[in-house]
């Protein structure tokens, strides 16, 4: 589905009020104000669905928006947004941090807490919006990574930015299975970039959090390996096994609990994917790191309240 809205057909006097309504509908409820500009206000937005992501391209004259505590209370939304700057510049403020974005840079902000976006010049950006749970699965403690500039000139963030920008034409396609795979890849890459970026600010717990996020990233990459162990994870990120268990305990989980959650999430994706319709439940379980289908089925039912067979049958019924 693709939706495009422009202020061109609205009288100059009513354009900004119209635009305010548009962005509140497209994203979350926001307060908004115009900023000085040599040109009359004008804006447009094009939105497309990409699996669990919604992708929006925004072009507009200078203005600022704010997600206030009042609006969060009136309309709670458990969602995360990521802005990728295309033209001009933008400032994102949240959690006492500020990210100044130039073309190619991106940053994340969380709709569950107040934030400000300030665009002092004509700009263009891509905005990715998705349920917070999808990021939590890959990058726990995202509140420590909001309004952090992911620079387009760094080794990790640059290719992630390029991939995110390449998704727009693909989001216009009708293949839901491909869209879901692309969205999953985008979320995985975001998790990698955020984990890599964290810790450069020198905060007291930065090192522990960065090791935690790197461990999560490693598990995301190798979750399908049935022989992945905490010892191997600890060795891969350069910490002791005791330290690895300690940092996961600080986040209220064990290493194995996180690994199981990631494997279950990938199995759910496969069970819902038309591209995996020909694969058996046992094949899906083994392909995502479970050694026995019985263990997988029990853990899956505990996590989702449905059996793998019920999910797969529901997906197949929906295709007919």
C-alpha atoms as a PDB file:
ATOM      1  CA  UNK A   1       0.000   0.000   0.000  1.00  0.00           C
ATOM      2  CA  UNK A   2       1.316   3.443  -0.926  1.00  0.00           C
ATOM      3  CA  UNK A   3      -0.192   6.785   0.140  1.00  0.00           C
ATOM      4  CA  UNK A   4       0.920  10.242  -0.988  1.00  0.00           C
ATOM      5  CA  UNK A   5      -0.274  13.594   0.380  1.00  0.00           C
ATOM      6  CA  UNK A   6       0.796  17.114  -0.607  1.00  0.00           C
ATOM      7  CA  UNK A   7      -0.110  20.617   0.528  1.00  0.00           C
ATOM      8  CA  UNK A   8      -0.100  21.939  -3.055  1.00  0.00           C
ATOM      9  CA  UNK A   9      -3.871  21.830  -3.390  1.00  0.00           C
ATOM     10  CA  UNK A  10      -4.471  23.632  -0.065  1.00  0.00           C
ATOM     11  CA  UNK A  11      -4.644  27.419   0.245  1.00  0.00           C
ATOM     12  CA  UNK A  12      -1.466  29.045   1.586  1.00  0.00           C
ATOM     13  CA  UNK A  13      -3.291  30.203   4.725  1.00  0.00           C
ATOM     14  CA  UNK A  14      -4.413  26.679   5.633  1.00  0.00           C
ATOM     15  CA  UNK A  15      -1.363  24.693   4.538  1.00  0.00           C
ATOM     16  CA  UNK A  16       0.460  24.336   7.824  1.00  0.00           C
ATOM     17  CA  UNK A  17      -2.658  23.383   9.792  1.00  0.00           C
ATOM     18  CA  UNK A  18      -3.399  20.807   7.101  1.00  0.00           C
ATOM     19  CA  UNK A  19       0.162  19.501   7.291  1.00  0.00           C
ATOM     20  CA  UNK A  20      -0.050  19.271  11.067  1.00  0.00           C
ATOM     21  CA  UNK A  21      -3.080  16.984  10.744  1.00  0.00           C
ATOM     22  CA  UNK A  22      -1.313  14.902   8.102  1.00  0.00           C
ATOM     23  CA  UNK A  23       1.781  14.175  10.202  1.00  0.00           C
ATOM     24  CA  UNK A  24      -0.293  13.440  13.312  1.00  0.00           C
ATOM     25  CA  UNK A  25      -2.173  10.827  11.296  1.00  0.00           C
ATOM     26  CA  UNK A  26       0.904   9.455   9.560  1.00  0.00           C
ATOM     27  CA  UNK A  27       3.175   9.185  12.600  1.00  0.00           C
ATOM     28  CA  UNK A  28       2.036   9.971  16.152  1.00  0.00           C
ATOM     29  CA  UNK A  29       0.269  12.958  17.687  1.00  0.00           C
ATOM     30  CA  UNK A  30       2.608  15.940  17.630  1.00  0.00           C
ATOM     31  CA  UNK A  31       2.663  19.637  18.339  1.00  0.00           C
ATOM     32  CA  UNK A  32       4.065  21.670  15.450  1.00  0.00           C
ATOM     33  CA  UNK A  33       5.211  25.154  14.522  1.00  0.00           C
ATOM     34  CA  UNK A  34       6.568  26.809  11.393  1.00  0.00           C
ATOM     35  CA  UNK A  35      10.081  28.241  11.322  1.00  0.00           C
ATOM     36  CA  UNK A  36      11.353  31.259   9.361  1.00  0.00           C
ATOM     37  CA  UNK A  37      11.706  30.636   5.625  1.00  0.00           C
ATOM     38  CA  UNK A  38      12.081  32.699   2.468  1.00  0.00           C
ATOM     39  CA  UNK A  39       9.475  30.566   0.713  1.00  0.00           C
ATOM     40  CA  UNK A  40       5.800  29.880   1.530  1.00  0.00           C
ATOM     41  CA  UNK A  41       5.237  26.705   3.497  1.00  0.00           C
ATOM     42  CA  UNK A  42       4.842  23.545   1.469  1.00  0.00           C
ATOM     43  CA  UNK A  43       5.234  19.850   2.218  1.00  0.00           C
ATOM     44  CA  UNK A  44       4.527  16.376   0.946  1.00  0.00           C
ATOM     45  CA  UNK A  45       4.709  12.836   2.253  1.00  0.00           C
ATOM     46  CA  UNK A  46       4.689   9.441   0.548  1.00  0.00           C
ATOM     47  CA  UNK A  47       4.157   6.357   2.699  1.00  0.00           C
ATOM     48  CA  UNK A  48       4.556   2.649   1.984  1.00  0.00           C
ATOM     49  CA  UNK A  49       4.402  -0.529   4.022  1.00  0.00           C
ATOM     50  CA  UNK A  50       7.430  -2.815   4.129  1.00  0.00           C
ATOM     51  CA  UNK A  51       6.503  -5.849   6.187  1.00  0.00           C
ATOM     52  CA  UNK A  52       6.359  -4.705   9.836  1.00  0.00           C
ATOM     53  CA  UNK A  53       7.915  -1.351   8.887  1.00  0.00           C
ATOM     54  CA  UNK A  54       6.213   1.752   7.573  1.00  0.00           C
ATOM     55  CA  UNK A  55       8.468   3.858   5.365  1.00  0.00           C
ATOM     56  CA  UNK A  56       7.755   7.551   4.726  1.00  0.00           C
ATOM     57  CA  UNK A  57       9.560  10.067   2.538  1.00  0.00           C
ATOM     58  CA  UNK A  58       8.978  13.625   3.782  1.00  0.00           C
ATOM     59  CA  UNK A  59       9.817  16.816   1.876  1.00  0.00           C
ATOM     60  CA  UNK A  60       8.990  20.115   3.572  1.00  0.00           C
ATOM     61  CA  UNK A  61       9.860  23.703   4.290  1.00  0.00           C
ATOM     62  CA  UNK A  62      11.330  24.536   7.740  1.00  0.00           C
ATOM     63  CA  UNK A  63       9.274  23.593  10.780  1.00  0.00           C
ATOM     64  CA  UNK A  64       9.562  21.879  14.161  1.00  0.00           C
ATOM     65  CA  UNK A  65       7.529  19.152  15.845  1.00  0.00           C
ATOM     66  CA  UNK A  66       7.325  17.989  19.451  1.00  0.00           C
ATOM     67  CA  UNK A  67       6.014  14.841  21.071  1.00  0.00           C
ATOM     68  CA  UNK A  68       5.018  16.152  24.504  1.00  0.00           C
ATOM     69  CA  UNK A  69       4.238  14.338  27.734  1.00  0.00           C
ATOM     70  CA  UNK A  70       0.622  15.439  27.387  1.00  0.00           C
ATOM     71  CA  UNK A  71       0.267  13.933  23.924  1.00  0.00           C
ATOM     72  CA  UNK A  72       1.966  10.714  25.029  1.00  0.00           C
ATOM     73  CA  UNK A  73      -0.586  10.435  27.838  1.00  0.00           C
ATOM     74  CA  UNK A  74      -3.493  11.156  25.496  1.00  0.00           C
ATOM     75  CA  UNK A  75      -2.265   8.801  22.760  1.00  0.00           C
ATOM     76  CA  UNK A  76       0.284   6.247  23.959  1.00  0.00           C
ATOM     77  CA  UNK A  77       2.124   4.545  21.092  1.00  0.00           C
ATOM     78  CA  UNK A  78       4.695   1.842  21.749  1.00  0.00           C
ATOM     79  CA  UNK A  79       6.653   2.620  18.590  1.00  0.00           C
ATOM     80  CA  UNK A  80      10.137   3.588  17.485  1.00  0.00           C
ATOM     81  CA  UNK A  81      11.054   5.869  14.597  1.00  0.00           C
ATOM     82  CA  UNK A  82      14.306   6.199  12.673  1.00  0.00           C
ATOM     83  CA  UNK A  83      14.976   9.240  10.482  1.00  0.00           C
ATOM     84  CA  UNK A  84      17.466   9.029   7.625  1.00  0.00           C
ATOM     85  CA  UNK A  85      18.415  12.480   6.336  1.00  0.00           C
ATOM     86  CA  UNK A  86      18.387  12.870   2.554  1.00  0.00           C
ATOM     87  CA  UNK A  87      18.674  16.623   2.007  1.00  0.00           C
ATOM     88  CA  UNK A  88      19.171  19.599   4.307  1.00  0.00           C
ATOM     89  CA  UNK A  89      19.710  19.038   8.013  1.00  0.00           C
ATOM     90  CA  UNK A  90      17.632  18.142  11.062  1.00  0.00           C
ATOM     91  CA  UNK A  91      18.038  18.079  14.825  1.00  0.00           C
ATOM     92  CA  UNK A  92      16.571  15.281  16.941  1.00  0.00           C
ATOM     93  CA  UNK A  93      16.389  15.780  20.712  1.00  0.00           C
ATOM     94  CA  UNK A  94      15.418  13.120  23.253  1.00  0.00           C
ATOM     95  CA  UNK A  95      16.584  11.854  26.644  1.00  0.00           C
ATOM     96  CA  UNK A  96      18.919  14.845  27.160  1.00  0.00           C
ATOM     97  CA  UNK A  97      20.752  14.072  23.931  1.00  0.00           C
ATOM     98  CA  UNK A  98      20.855  15.845  20.594  1.00  0.00           C
ATOM     99  CA  UNK A  99      21.653  14.431  17.165  1.00  0.00           C
ATOM    100  CA  UNK A 100      22.386  16.830  14.310  1.00  0.00           C
ATOM    101  CA  UNK A 101      21.777  14.997  11.039  1.00  0.00           C
ATOM    102  CA  UNK A 102      23.337  15.793   7.682  1.00  0.00           C
ATOM    103  CA  UNK A 103      22.538  13.894   4.468  1.00  0.00           C
ATOM    104  CA  UNK A 104      23.133  10.166   4.946  1.00  0.00           C
ATOM    105  CA  UNK A 105      23.091  10.322   8.750  1.00  0.00           C
ATOM    106  CA  UNK A 106      20.328   8.663  10.755  1.00  0.00           C
ATOM    107  CA  UNK A 107      19.089   8.549  14.341  1.00  0.00           C
ATOM    108  CA  UNK A 108      16.442   6.789  16.387  1.00  0.00           C
ATOM    109  CA  UNK A 109      13.746   8.232  18.647  1.00  0.00           C
ATOM    110  CA  UNK A 110      11.083   6.600  20.794  1.00  0.00           C
ATOM    111  CA  UNK A 111       7.401   7.587  20.759  1.00  0.00           C
ATOM    112  CA  UNK A 112       6.949   6.467  24.370  1.00  0.00           C
ATOM    113  CA  UNK A 113       8.933   9.482  25.627  1.00  0.00           C
ATOM    114  CA  UNK A 114       9.044  13.192  24.713  1.00  0.00           C
ATOM    115  CA  UNK A 115      11.134  14.246  21.729  1.00  0.00           C
ATOM    116  CA  UNK A 116      11.700  17.226  19.415  1.00  0.00           C
ATOM    117  CA  UNK A 117      12.504  17.378  15.704  1.00  0.00           C
ATOM    118  CA  UNK A 118      13.772  20.712  14.416  1.00  0.00           C
ATOM    119  CA  UNK A 119      14.258  21.348  10.690  1.00  0.00           C
ATOM    120  CA  UNK A 120      15.554  24.898  10.156  1.00  0.00           C
ATOM    121  CA  UNK A 121      15.922  24.617   6.380  1.00  0.00           C
ATOM    122  CA  UNK A 122      14.129  22.952   3.513  1.00  0.00           C
ATOM    123  CA  UNK A 123      14.702  19.237   3.989  1.00  0.00           C
ATOM    124  CA  UNK A 124      13.994  15.738   2.833  1.00  0.00           C
ATOM    125  CA  UNK A 125      14.143  12.592   4.966  1.00  0.00           C
ATOM    126  CA  UNK A 126      13.068   8.983   5.150  1.00  0.00           C
ATOM    127  CA  UNK A 127      11.269   7.927   8.326  1.00  0.00           C
ATOM    128  CA  UNK A 128      10.992   4.275   9.370  1.00  0.00           C
ATOM    129  CA  UNK A 129       8.327   3.488  11.965  1.00  0.00           C
ATOM    130  CA  UNK A 130       7.796   0.153  13.707  1.00  0.00           C
ATOM    131  CA  UNK A 131       6.628  -1.474  16.925  1.00  0.00           C
ATOM    132  CA  UNK A 132       9.144  -1.104  19.729  1.00  0.00           C
ATOM    133  CA  UNK A 133       9.154  -4.866  20.344  1.00  0.00           C
ATOM    134  CA  UNK A 134      10.956  -5.460  17.044  1.00  0.00           C
ATOM    135  CA  UNK A 135      13.892  -3.349  18.195  1.00  0.00           C
ATOM    136  CA  UNK A 136      13.813  -4.751  21.744  1.00  0.00           C
ATOM    137  CA  UNK A 137      14.297  -8.234  20.288  1.00  0.00           C
ATOM    138  CA  UNK A 138      17.529  -7.133  18.633  1.00  0.00           C
ATOM    139  CA  UNK A 139      18.775  -4.307  20.797  1.00  0.00           C
ATOM    140  CA  UNK A 140      17.497  -4.286  24.399  1.00  0.00           C
ATOM    141  CA  UNK A 141      17.684  -0.991  26.313  1.00  0.00           C
ATOM    142  CA  UNK A 142      17.027   1.203  23.245  1.00  0.00           C
ATOM    143  CA  UNK A 143      16.380   4.221  25.499  1.00  0.00           C
ATOM    144  CA  UNK A 144      20.154   4.538  25.841  1.00  0.00           C
ATOM    145  CA  UNK A 145      20.526   4.946  22.092  1.00  0.00           C
ATOM    146  CA  UNK A 146      17.922   7.561  21.200  1.00  0.00           C
ATOM    147  CA  UNK A 147      18.995  10.850  19.592  1.00  0.00           C
ATOM    148  CA  UNK A 148      22.454   9.457  18.869  1.00  0.00           C
ATOM    149  CA  UNK A 149      23.819  10.505  15.476  1.00  0.00           C
ATOM    150  CA  UNK A 150      24.716   7.555  13.266  1.00  0.00           C
ATOM    151  CA  UNK A 151      27.192   9.217  10.949  1.00  0.00           C
ATOM    152  CA  UNK A 152      27.290   8.342   7.274  1.00  0.00           C
ATOM    153  CA  UNK A 153      31.089   8.491   7.295  1.00  0.00           C
ATOM    154  CA  UNK A 154      31.660   5.620   9.743  1.00  0.00           C
ATOM    155  CA  UNK A 155      32.528   2.046   8.819  1.00  0.00           C
ATOM    156  CA  UNK A 156      29.345   0.433  10.191  1.00  0.00           C
ATOM    157  CA  UNK A 157      26.698   3.162   9.905  1.00  0.00           C
ATOM    158  CA  UNK A 158      27.488   4.090   6.281  1.00  0.00           C
ATOM    159  CA  UNK A 159      26.450   0.744   4.707  1.00  0.00           C
ATOM    160  CA  UNK A 160      23.415   0.566   7.006  1.00  0.00           C
ATOM    161  CA  UNK A 161      22.367   4.038   5.863  1.00  0.00           C
ATOM    162  CA  UNK A 162      22.846   2.994   2.233  1.00  0.00           C
ATOM    163  CA  UNK A 163      20.695  -0.116   2.755  1.00  0.00           C
ATOM    164  CA  UNK A 164      17.928   1.860   4.445  1.00  0.00           C
ATOM    165  CA  UNK A 165      17.869   4.399   1.618  1.00  0.00           C
ATOM    166  CA  UNK A 166      17.690   1.612  -0.962  1.00  0.00           C
ATOM    167  CA  UNK A 167      14.477   0.216   0.523  1.00  0.00           C
ATOM    168  CA  UNK A 168      12.131   2.958  -0.695  1.00  0.00           C
ATOM    169  CA  UNK A 169      11.583   1.690  -4.277  1.00  0.00           C
ATOM    170  CA  UNK A 170      11.337  -1.870  -2.981  1.00  0.00           C
ATOM    171  CA  UNK A 171       8.576  -0.852  -0.559  1.00  0.00           C
ATOM    172  CA  UNK A 172       6.373  -0.050  -3.551  1.00  0.00           C
ATOM    173  CA  UNK A 173       6.291  -3.693  -4.629  1.00  0.00           C
ATOM    174  CA  UNK A 174       3.466  -6.111  -3.910  1.00  0.00           C
ATOM    175  CA  UNK A 175       5.498  -9.097  -2.678  1.00  0.00           C
ATOM    176  CA  UNK A 176       4.708  -9.253   1.036  1.00  0.00           C
ATOM    177  CA  UNK A 177       7.126 -12.136   1.627  1.00  0.00           C
ATOM    178  CA  UNK A 178      10.053 -10.200   0.151  1.00  0.00           C
ATOM    179  CA  UNK A 179       8.971  -7.075   2.046  1.00  0.00           C
ATOM    180  CA  UNK A 180       8.996  -8.939   5.338  1.00  0.00           C
ATOM    181  CA  UNK A 181      12.479 -10.322   4.654  1.00  0.00           C
ATOM    182  CA  UNK A 182      13.790  -6.862   3.771  1.00  0.00           C
ATOM    183  CA  UNK A 183      12.231  -5.358   6.895  1.00  0.00           C
ATOM    184  CA  UNK A 184      13.805  -8.069   9.046  1.00  0.00           C
ATOM    185  CA  UNK A 185      17.191  -7.364   7.467  1.00  0.00           C
ATOM    186  CA  UNK A 186      16.749  -3.629   8.074  1.00  0.00           C
ATOM    187  CA  UNK A 187      15.959  -4.187  11.741  1.00  0.00           C
ATOM    188  CA  UNK A 188      18.897  -6.563  12.150  1.00  0.00           C
ATOM    189  CA  UNK A 189      21.243  -3.981  10.607  1.00  0.00           C
ATOM    190  CA  UNK A 190      19.868  -1.219  12.799  1.00  0.00           C
ATOM    191  CA  UNK A 191      20.614  -3.372  15.826  1.00  0.00           C
ATOM    192  CA  UNK A 192      24.173  -3.912  14.604  1.00  0.00           C
ATOM    193  CA  UNK A 193      24.743  -0.190  13.968  1.00  0.00           C
ATOM    194  CA  UNK A 194      23.345   0.880  17.324  1.00  0.00           C
ATOM    195  CA  UNK A 195      25.367  -1.710  19.207  1.00  0.00           C
ATOM    196  CA  UNK A 196      28.525  -0.605  17.429  1.00  0.00           C
ATOM    197  CA  UNK A 197      27.852   3.078  18.114  1.00  0.00           C
ATOM    198  CA  UNK A 198      27.126   2.685  21.813  1.00  0.00           C
ATOM    199  CA  UNK A 199      29.934   3.217  24.274  1.00  0.00           C
ATOM    200  CA  UNK A 200      31.816   5.977  22.490  1.00  0.00           C
ATOM    201  CA  UNK A 201      30.377   8.624  24.817  1.00  0.00           C
ATOM    202  CA  UNK A 202      32.400   7.497  27.855  1.00  0.00           C
ATOM    203  CA  UNK A 203      29.496   7.111  30.303  1.00  0.00           C
ATOM    204  CA  UNK A 204      30.224   4.997  33.431  1.00  0.00           C
ATOM    205  CA  UNK A 205      28.293   1.932  32.224  1.00  0.00           C
ATOM    206  CA  UNK A 206      29.060   2.369  28.520  1.00  0.00           C
ATOM    207  CA  UNK A 207      31.522  -0.511  28.381  1.00  0.00           C
ATOM    208  CA  UNK A 208      29.153  -3.014  29.982  1.00  0.00           C
ATOM    209  CA  UNK A 209      26.232  -1.931  27.814  1.00  0.00           C
ATOM    210  CA  UNK A 210      28.332  -2.053  24.667  1.00  0.00           C
ATOM    211  CA  UNK A 211      29.473  -5.601  25.484  1.00  0.00           C
ATOM    212  CA  UNK A 212      25.859  -6.556  26.154  1.00  0.00           C
ATOM    213  CA  UNK A 213      24.699  -5.156  22.810  1.00  0.00           C
ATOM    214  CA  UNK A 214      27.589  -6.767  20.957  1.00  0.00           C
ATOM    215  CA  UNK A 215      26.679 -10.108  22.492  1.00  0.00           C
ATOM    216  CA  UNK A 216      23.085  -9.609  21.328  1.00  0.00           C
ATOM    217  CA  UNK A 217      24.314  -8.718  17.842  1.00  0.00           C
ATOM    218  CA  UNK A 218      26.509 -11.820  17.724  1.00  0.00           C
ATOM    219  CA  UNK A 219      23.607 -14.023  18.756  1.00  0.00           C
ATOM    220  CA  UNK A 220      21.373 -12.426  16.134  1.00  0.00           C
ATOM    221  CA  UNK A 221      23.959 -13.312  13.491  1.00  0.00           C
ATOM    222  CA  UNK A 222      24.541 -16.896  14.622  1.00  0.00           C
ATOM    223  CA  UNK A 223      21.210 -17.872  16.202  1.00  0.00           C
ATOM    224  CA  UNK A 224      20.672 -20.571  13.570  1.00  0.00           C
ATOM    225  CA  UNK A 225      23.764 -22.452  14.753  1.00  0.00           C
ATOM    226  CA  UNK A 226      22.543 -25.200  17.122  1.00  0.00           C
ATOM    227  CA  UNK A 227      26.021 -25.411  18.686  1.00  0.00           C
ATOM    228  CA  UNK A 228      26.203 -21.748  19.689  1.00  0.00           C
ATOM    229  CA  UNK A 229      27.149 -21.564  23.382  1.00  0.00           C
ATOM    230  CA  UNK A 230      27.635 -18.794  25.956  1.00  0.00           C
ATOM    231  CA  UNK A 231      31.339 -19.639  26.038  1.00  0.00           C
ATOM    232  CA  UNK A 232      31.671 -19.053  22.313  1.00  0.00           C
ATOM    233  CA  UNK A 233      29.694 -15.805  22.550  1.00  0.00           C
ATOM    234  CA  UNK A 234      31.915 -14.544  25.364  1.00  0.00           C
ATOM    235  CA  UNK A 235      35.057 -15.403  23.426  1.00  0.00           C
ATOM    236  CA  UNK A 236      33.778 -13.695  20.269  1.00  0.00           C
ATOM    237  CA  UNK A 237      33.285 -10.344  22.013  1.00  0.00           C
ATOM    238  CA  UNK A 238      36.424 -10.596  24.133  1.00  0.00           C
ATOM    239  CA  UNK A 239      34.994 -11.049  27.637  1.00  0.00           C
ATOM    240  CA  UNK A 240      34.956 -13.809  30.228  1.00  0.00           C
ATOM    241  CA  UNK A 241      32.034 -16.198  30.526  1.00  0.00           C
ATOM    242  CA  UNK A 242      31.320 -14.969  34.066  1.00  0.00           C
ATOM    243  CA  UNK A 243      31.232 -11.354  32.853  1.00  0.00           C
ATOM    244  CA  UNK A 244      28.860 -12.285  30.004  1.00  0.00           C
ATOM    245  CA  UNK A 245      26.395 -13.923  32.404  1.00  0.00           C
ATOM    246  CA  UNK A 246      26.670 -10.934  34.764  1.00  0.00           C
ATOM    247  CA  UNK A 247      25.808  -8.305  32.130  1.00  0.00           C
ATOM    248  CA  UNK A 248      22.788 -10.283  30.947  1.00  0.00           C
ATOM    249  CA  UNK A 249      21.629 -10.664  34.553  1.00  0.00           C
ATOM    250  CA  UNK A 250      21.773  -6.865  34.850  1.00  0.00           C
ATOM    251  CA  UNK A 251      19.217  -6.717  32.019  1.00  0.00           C
ATOM    252  CA  UNK A 252      16.897  -9.215  33.690  1.00  0.00           C
ATOM    253  CA  UNK A 253      17.583 -12.236  31.514  1.00  0.00           C
ATOM    254  CA  UNK A 254      20.003 -15.048  30.908  1.00  0.00           C
ATOM    255  CA  UNK A 255      22.123 -15.552  27.809  1.00  0.00           C
ATOM    256  CA  UNK A 256      20.142 -18.647  26.845  1.00  0.00           C
ATOM    257  CA  UNK A 257      16.804 -16.889  27.355  1.00  0.00           C
ATOM    258  CA  UNK A 258      17.769 -14.180  24.895  1.00  0.00           C
ATOM    259  CA  UNK A 259      19.042 -16.733  22.374  1.00  0.00           C
ATOM    260  CA  UNK A 260      15.838 -18.754  22.603  1.00  0.00           C
ATOM    261  CA  UNK A 261      13.731 -15.621  22.059  1.00  0.00           C
ATOM    262  CA  UNK A 262      15.655 -14.746  18.911  1.00  0.00           C
ATOM    263  CA  UNK A 263      15.334 -18.283  17.560  1.00  0.00           C
ATOM    264  CA  UNK A 264      11.608 -18.326  18.297  1.00  0.00           C
ATOM    265  CA  UNK A 265      11.121 -14.959  16.578  1.00  0.00           C
ATOM    266  CA  UNK A 266      12.865 -16.241  13.463  1.00  0.00           C
ATOM    267  CA  UNK A 267      10.757 -19.381  13.493  1.00  0.00           C
ATOM    268  CA  UNK A 268       7.630 -17.238  13.725  1.00  0.00           C
ATOM    269  CA  UNK A 269       8.805 -15.248  10.689  1.00  0.00           C
ATOM    270  CA  UNK A 270       9.287 -18.463   8.749  1.00  0.00           C
ATOM    271  CA  UNK A 271       5.938 -19.895   9.800  1.00  0.00           C
ATOM    272  CA  UNK A 272       4.242 -16.712   8.564  1.00  0.00           C
ATOM    273  CA  UNK A 273       6.238 -16.442   5.349  1.00  0.00           C
ATOM    274  CA  UNK A 274       4.695 -17.708   2.093  1.00  0.00           C
ATOM    275  CA  UNK A 275       8.250 -18.318   0.886  1.00  0.00           C
ATOM    276  CA  UNK A 276       8.667 -20.974   3.585  1.00  0.00           C
ATOM    277  CA  UNK A 277       5.271 -22.599   3.035  1.00  0.00           C
ATOM    278  CA  UNK A 278       6.837 -25.781   1.654  1.00  0.00           C
ATOM    279  CA  UNK A 279       9.118 -26.254   4.657  1.00  0.00           C
ATOM    280  CA  UNK A 280       7.993 -28.547   7.463  1.00  0.00           C
ATOM    281  CA  UNK A 281       7.837 -27.390  11.064  1.00  0.00           C
ATOM    282  CA  UNK A 282      10.786 -29.640  11.860  1.00  0.00           C
ATOM    283  CA  UNK A 283      12.828 -28.081   9.036  1.00  0.00           C
ATOM    284  CA  UNK A 284      12.012 -24.588  10.293  1.00  0.00           C
ATOM    285  CA  UNK A 285      12.963 -25.524  13.854  1.00  0.00           C
ATOM    286  CA  UNK A 286      16.265 -27.109  12.834  1.00  0.00           C
ATOM    287  CA  UNK A 287      17.024 -24.263  10.428  1.00  0.00           C
ATOM    288  CA  UNK A 288      16.798 -21.781  13.301  1.00  0.00           C
ATOM    289  CA  UNK A 289      19.002 -23.551  15.812  1.00  0.00           C
ATOM    290  CA  UNK A 290      16.640 -25.932  17.642  1.00  0.00           C
ATOM    291  CA  UNK A 291      17.987 -29.457  17.908  1.00  0.00           C
ATOM    292  CA  UNK A 292      14.612 -31.141  18.397  1.00  0.00           C
ATOM    293  CA  UNK A 293      11.161 -30.238  17.118  1.00  0.00           C
ATOM    294  CA  UNK A 294       9.620 -31.269  20.461  1.00  0.00           C
ATOM    295  CA  UNK A 295      11.706 -28.724  22.375  1.00  0.00           C
ATOM    296  CA  UNK A 296      10.907 -26.074  19.775  1.00  0.00           C
ATOM    297  CA  UNK A 297       7.149 -26.727  19.859  1.00  0.00           C
ATOM    298  CA  UNK A 298       7.021 -26.570  23.654  1.00  0.00           C
ATOM    299  CA  UNK A 299       8.987 -23.309  23.860  1.00  0.00           C
ATOM    300  CA  UNK A 300       7.020 -21.792  20.983  1.00  0.00           C
ATOM    301  CA  UNK A 301       3.661 -22.533  22.629  1.00  0.00           C
ATOM    302  CA  UNK A 302       4.910 -21.088  25.928  1.00  0.00           C
ATOM    303  CA  UNK A 303       6.015 -17.884  24.195  1.00  0.00           C
ATOM    304  CA  UNK A 304       3.113 -17.288  21.814  1.00  0.00           C
ATOM    305  CA  UNK A 305       0.138 -19.167  23.241  1.00  0.00           C
ATOM    306  CA  UNK A 306      -0.254 -21.075  19.965  1.00  0.00           C
ATOM    307  CA  UNK A 307       1.427 -24.133  18.535  1.00  0.00           C
ATOM    308  CA  UNK A 308       3.638 -23.879  15.460  1.00  0.00           C
ATOM    309  CA  UNK A 309       1.104 -25.994  13.574  1.00  0.00           C
ATOM    310  CA  UNK A 310      -1.715 -23.570  14.396  1.00  0.00           C
ATOM    311  CA  UNK A 311       0.342 -20.624  13.121  1.00  0.00           C
ATOM    312  CA  UNK A 312       1.364 -22.428   9.941  1.00  0.00           C
ATOM    313  CA  UNK A 313      -2.159 -23.662   9.229  1.00  0.00           C
ATOM    314  CA  UNK A 314      -3.531 -20.160   9.744  1.00  0.00           C
ATOM    315  CA  UNK A 315      -0.999 -18.758   7.277  1.00  0.00           C
ATOM    316  CA  UNK A 316      -1.792 -21.418   4.669  1.00  0.00           C
ATOM    317  CA  UNK A 317      -5.539 -20.796   5.101  1.00  0.00           C
ATOM    318  CA  UNK A 318      -4.969 -17.098   4.559  1.00  0.00           C
ATOM    319  CA  UNK A 319      -3.231 -17.796   1.231  1.00  0.00           C
ATOM    320  CA  UNK A 320      -6.183 -19.639  -0.219  1.00  0.00           C
END
